[in-house]
Amino acid sequence: VCQEDAPIRRLKWGTASLIARAPVTPIVLPIIHHGFEKVMPENYAFGRRPPIPLWNQEIKIIIGEPMEFNLP
């Protein structure tokens, strides 16, 4: 999957902390997903989630190129 159309959004500190504290330099595989909020919406009926996932929804998953980090 090519990620030229969508830039990588900023990494959250939890991700950076895991990378910085790893005993070996990790390889990070960025994954972006859209549409899961339509499959299991928070407020579906009566302010609750549906009992089973909604099957007729579109989900988009983008997997980027692996990223290597050179840490001191």
N, C-alpha and C. Protein backbone atom coordinates (compact mmCIF):
# COMPACT_ATOMS: atom_id res chain seq x y z
N VAL A 1 0.85 -1.17 0.00
CA VAL A 1 0.00 0.00 0.00
C VAL A 1 0.89 1.22 0.00
N CYS A 2 0.62 2.17 -0.85
CA CYS A 2 1.41 3.39 -0.97
C CYS A 2 0.83 4.48 -0.08
N GLN A 3 1.68 5.22 0.58
CA GLN A 3 1.21 6.26 1.48
C GLN A 3 1.53 7.65 0.96
N GLU A 4 1.67 7.82 -0.33
CA GLU A 4 2.01 9.12 -0.89
C GLU A 4 0.87 10.12 -0.73
N ASP A 5 -0.37 9.66 -0.76
CA ASP A 5 -1.51 10.57 -0.69
C ASP A 5 -1.78 11.08 0.71
N ALA A 6 -1.42 10.31 1.72
CA ALA A 6 -1.72 10.71 3.10
C ALA A 6 -0.42 10.81 3.90
N PRO A 7 -0.11 12.01 4.42
CA PRO A 7 1.10 12.14 5.23
C PRO A 7 0.92 11.44 6.57
N ILE A 8 2.03 11.02 7.15
CA ILE A 8 1.97 10.40 8.47
C ILE A 8 1.63 11.48 9.48
N ARG A 9 0.63 11.22 10.28
CA ARG A 9 0.27 12.19 11.31
C ARG A 9 1.27 12.11 12.44
N ARG A 10 1.21 13.07 13.35
CA ARG A 10 2.20 13.10 14.43
C ARG A 10 2.05 11.87 15.31
N LEU A 11 3.18 11.36 15.76
CA LEU A 11 3.18 10.21 16.66
C LEU A 11 2.84 10.69 18.06
N LYS A 12 2.10 9.91 18.78
CA LYS A 12 1.78 10.26 20.16
C LYS A 12 2.97 9.89 21.05
N TRP A 13 3.07 10.50 22.22
CA TRP A 13 4.23 10.31 23.08
C TRP A 13 4.37 8.85 23.49
N GLY A 14 3.31 8.11 23.63
CA GLY A 14 3.42 6.70 23.98
C GLY A 14 4.24 5.93 22.97
N THR A 15 4.04 6.22 21.70
CA THR A 15 4.81 5.57 20.64
C THR A 15 6.28 5.98 20.72
N ALA A 16 6.53 7.27 20.88
CA ALA A 16 7.90 7.77 20.99
C ALA A 16 8.60 7.20 22.21
N SER A 17 7.88 7.07 23.30
CA SER A 17 8.45 6.52 24.53
C SER A 17 8.85 5.06 24.33
N LEU A 18 8.01 4.28 23.67
CA LEU A 18 8.34 2.88 23.39
C LEU A 18 9.58 2.77 22.50
N ILE A 19 9.69 3.65 21.52
CA ILE A 19 10.84 3.63 20.62
C ILE A 19 12.11 4.02 21.38
N ALA A 20 12.03 5.08 22.18
CA ALA A 20 13.21 5.57 22.90
C ALA A 20 13.69 4.60 23.97
N ARG A 21 12.80 3.86 24.58
CA ARG A 21 13.15 2.97 25.68
C ARG A 21 13.39 1.52 25.26
N ALA A 22 13.27 1.21 24.00
CA ALA A 22 13.44 -0.17 23.54
C ALA A 22 14.90 -0.60 23.69
N PRO A 23 15.14 -1.84 24.12
CA PRO A 23 16.52 -2.31 24.27
C PRO A 23 17.23 -2.48 22.92
N VAL A 24 16.49 -2.72 21.85
CA VAL A 24 17.05 -2.76 20.50
C VAL A 24 16.27 -1.75 19.66
N THR A 25 16.89 -1.26 18.60
CA THR A 25 16.23 -0.27 17.76
C THR A 25 15.07 -0.93 17.02
N PRO A 26 13.84 -0.47 17.26
CA PRO A 26 12.68 -1.11 16.62
C PRO A 26 12.45 -0.61 15.20
N ILE A 27 11.72 -1.38 14.46
CA ILE A 27 11.22 -0.97 13.15
C ILE A 27 9.73 -0.71 13.33
N VAL A 28 9.29 0.49 12.98
CA VAL A 28 7.89 0.89 13.18
C VAL A 28 7.13 0.75 11.86
N LEU A 29 5.98 0.13 11.93
CA LEU A 29 5.12 -0.02 10.76
C LEU A 29 3.89 0.86 10.97
N PRO A 30 3.83 2.03 10.29
CA PRO A 30 2.68 2.92 10.48
C PRO A 30 1.41 2.36 9.84
N ILE A 31 0.33 2.41 10.58
CA ILE A 31 -0.97 1.94 10.10
C ILE A 31 -2.01 3.01 10.41
N ILE A 32 -2.79 3.38 9.41
CA ILE A 32 -3.87 4.35 9.57
C ILE A 32 -5.17 3.63 9.22
N HIS A 33 -6.20 3.84 10.03
CA HIS A 33 -7.48 3.20 9.73
C HIS A 33 -8.60 4.22 9.86
N HIS A 34 -9.57 4.08 8.98
CA HIS A 34 -10.76 4.93 8.97
C HIS A 34 -11.99 4.03 8.81
N GLY A 35 -13.07 4.37 9.49
CA GLY A 35 -14.33 3.66 9.28
C GLY A 35 -14.74 2.74 10.40
N PHE A 36 -13.86 2.46 11.35
CA PHE A 36 -14.24 1.56 12.44
C PHE A 36 -15.33 2.19 13.32
N GLU A 37 -15.37 3.52 13.35
CA GLU A 37 -16.42 4.18 14.14
C GLU A 37 -17.80 3.96 13.54
N LYS A 38 -17.86 3.58 12.26
CA LYS A 38 -19.14 3.27 11.62
C LYS A 38 -19.56 1.82 11.88
N VAL A 39 -18.58 0.95 12.10
CA VAL A 39 -18.86 -0.46 12.34
C VAL A 39 -19.39 -0.67 13.76
N MET A 40 -18.80 0.02 14.72
CA MET A 40 -19.24 -0.07 16.13
C MET A 40 -19.42 1.35 16.68
N PRO A 41 -20.47 2.05 16.25
CA PRO A 41 -20.67 3.43 16.71
C PRO A 41 -20.96 3.49 18.21
N GLU A 42 -20.48 4.55 18.85
CA GLU A 42 -20.69 4.72 20.30
C GLU A 42 -22.17 4.89 20.64
N ASN A 43 -22.87 5.71 19.88
CA ASN A 43 -24.28 6.00 20.15
C ASN A 43 -25.14 5.51 18.99
N TYR A 44 -25.41 4.23 18.97
CA TYR A 44 -26.17 3.64 17.87
C TYR A 44 -27.67 3.75 18.14
N ALA A 45 -28.13 3.19 19.23
CA ALA A 45 -29.54 3.25 19.61
C ALA A 45 -29.62 3.38 21.12
N PHE A 46 -30.39 4.33 21.57
CA PHE A 46 -30.56 4.58 23.00
C PHE A 46 -29.23 4.87 23.69
N GLY A 47 -28.28 5.49 22.95
CA GLY A 47 -27.00 5.86 23.53
C GLY A 47 -26.07 4.69 23.78
N ARG A 48 -26.32 3.55 23.15
CA ARG A 48 -25.49 2.36 23.36
C ARG A 48 -24.90 1.87 22.04
N ARG A 49 -23.92 1.03 22.15
CA ARG A 49 -23.34 0.40 20.96
C ARG A 49 -24.28 -0.69 20.44
N PRO A 50 -24.16 -1.06 19.15
CA PRO A 50 -24.98 -2.16 18.65
C PRO A 50 -24.51 -3.48 19.26
N PRO A 51 -25.40 -4.46 19.40
CA PRO A 51 -25.01 -5.74 20.01
C PRO A 51 -24.00 -6.52 19.16
N ILE A 52 -24.04 -6.33 17.84
CA ILE A 52 -23.06 -6.96 16.94
C ILE A 52 -22.55 -5.88 15.99
N PRO A 53 -21.36 -6.05 15.42
CA PRO A 53 -20.84 -5.04 14.49
C PRO A 53 -21.77 -4.86 13.28
N LEU A 54 -21.85 -3.63 12.79
CA LEU A 54 -22.64 -3.33 11.59
C LEU A 54 -21.82 -3.77 10.37
N TRP A 55 -22.32 -4.68 9.60
CA TRP A 55 -21.56 -5.31 8.54
C TRP A 55 -21.55 -4.52 7.23
N ASN A 56 -22.47 -3.62 7.01
CA ASN A 56 -22.59 -2.94 5.73
C ASN A 56 -21.88 -1.58 5.75
N GLN A 57 -20.66 -1.54 6.28
CA GLN A 57 -19.92 -0.29 6.39
C GLN A 57 -18.56 -0.44 5.70
N GLU A 58 -18.03 0.67 5.24
CA GLU A 58 -16.73 0.65 4.57
C GLU A 58 -15.62 0.96 5.56
N ILE A 59 -14.57 0.15 5.54
CA ILE A 59 -13.39 0.36 6.37
C ILE A 59 -12.20 0.55 5.44
N LYS A 60 -11.37 1.54 5.76
CA LYS A 60 -10.18 1.79 4.95
C LYS A 60 -8.96 1.65 5.86
N ILE A 61 -8.02 0.80 5.46
CA ILE A 61 -6.79 0.59 6.22
C ILE A 61 -5.61 0.90 5.30
N ILE A 62 -4.72 1.78 5.76
CA ILE A 62 -3.54 2.16 4.99
C ILE A 62 -2.32 1.72 5.79
N ILE A 63 -1.47 0.93 5.17
CA ILE A 63 -0.24 0.47 5.81
C ILE A 63 0.93 1.13 5.10
N GLY A 64 1.73 1.86 5.87
CA GLY A 64 2.86 2.58 5.30
C GLY A 64 4.12 1.75 5.23
N GLU A 65 5.17 2.37 4.76
CA GLU A 65 6.47 1.72 4.68
C GLU A 65 7.08 1.61 6.07
N PRO A 66 7.80 0.52 6.36
CA PRO A 66 8.47 0.40 7.66
C PRO A 66 9.46 1.55 7.86
N MET A 67 9.53 2.04 9.09
CA MET A 67 10.43 3.15 9.43
C MET A 67 11.45 2.65 10.45
N GLU A 68 12.73 2.91 10.16
CA GLU A 68 13.80 2.55 11.08
C GLU A 68 14.32 3.82 11.74
N PHE A 69 14.71 3.71 13.00
CA PHE A 69 15.21 4.84 13.76
C PHE A 69 16.64 4.56 14.20
N ASN A 70 17.51 5.55 14.07
CA ASN A 70 18.88 5.44 14.56
C ASN A 70 18.96 6.18 15.88
N LEU A 71 19.00 5.44 16.96
CA LEU A 71 19.05 6.03 18.29
C LEU A 71 20.45 5.88 18.86
N PRO A 72 20.91 6.88 19.61
CA PRO A 72 22.25 6.77 20.22
C PRO A 72 22.30 5.72 21.31
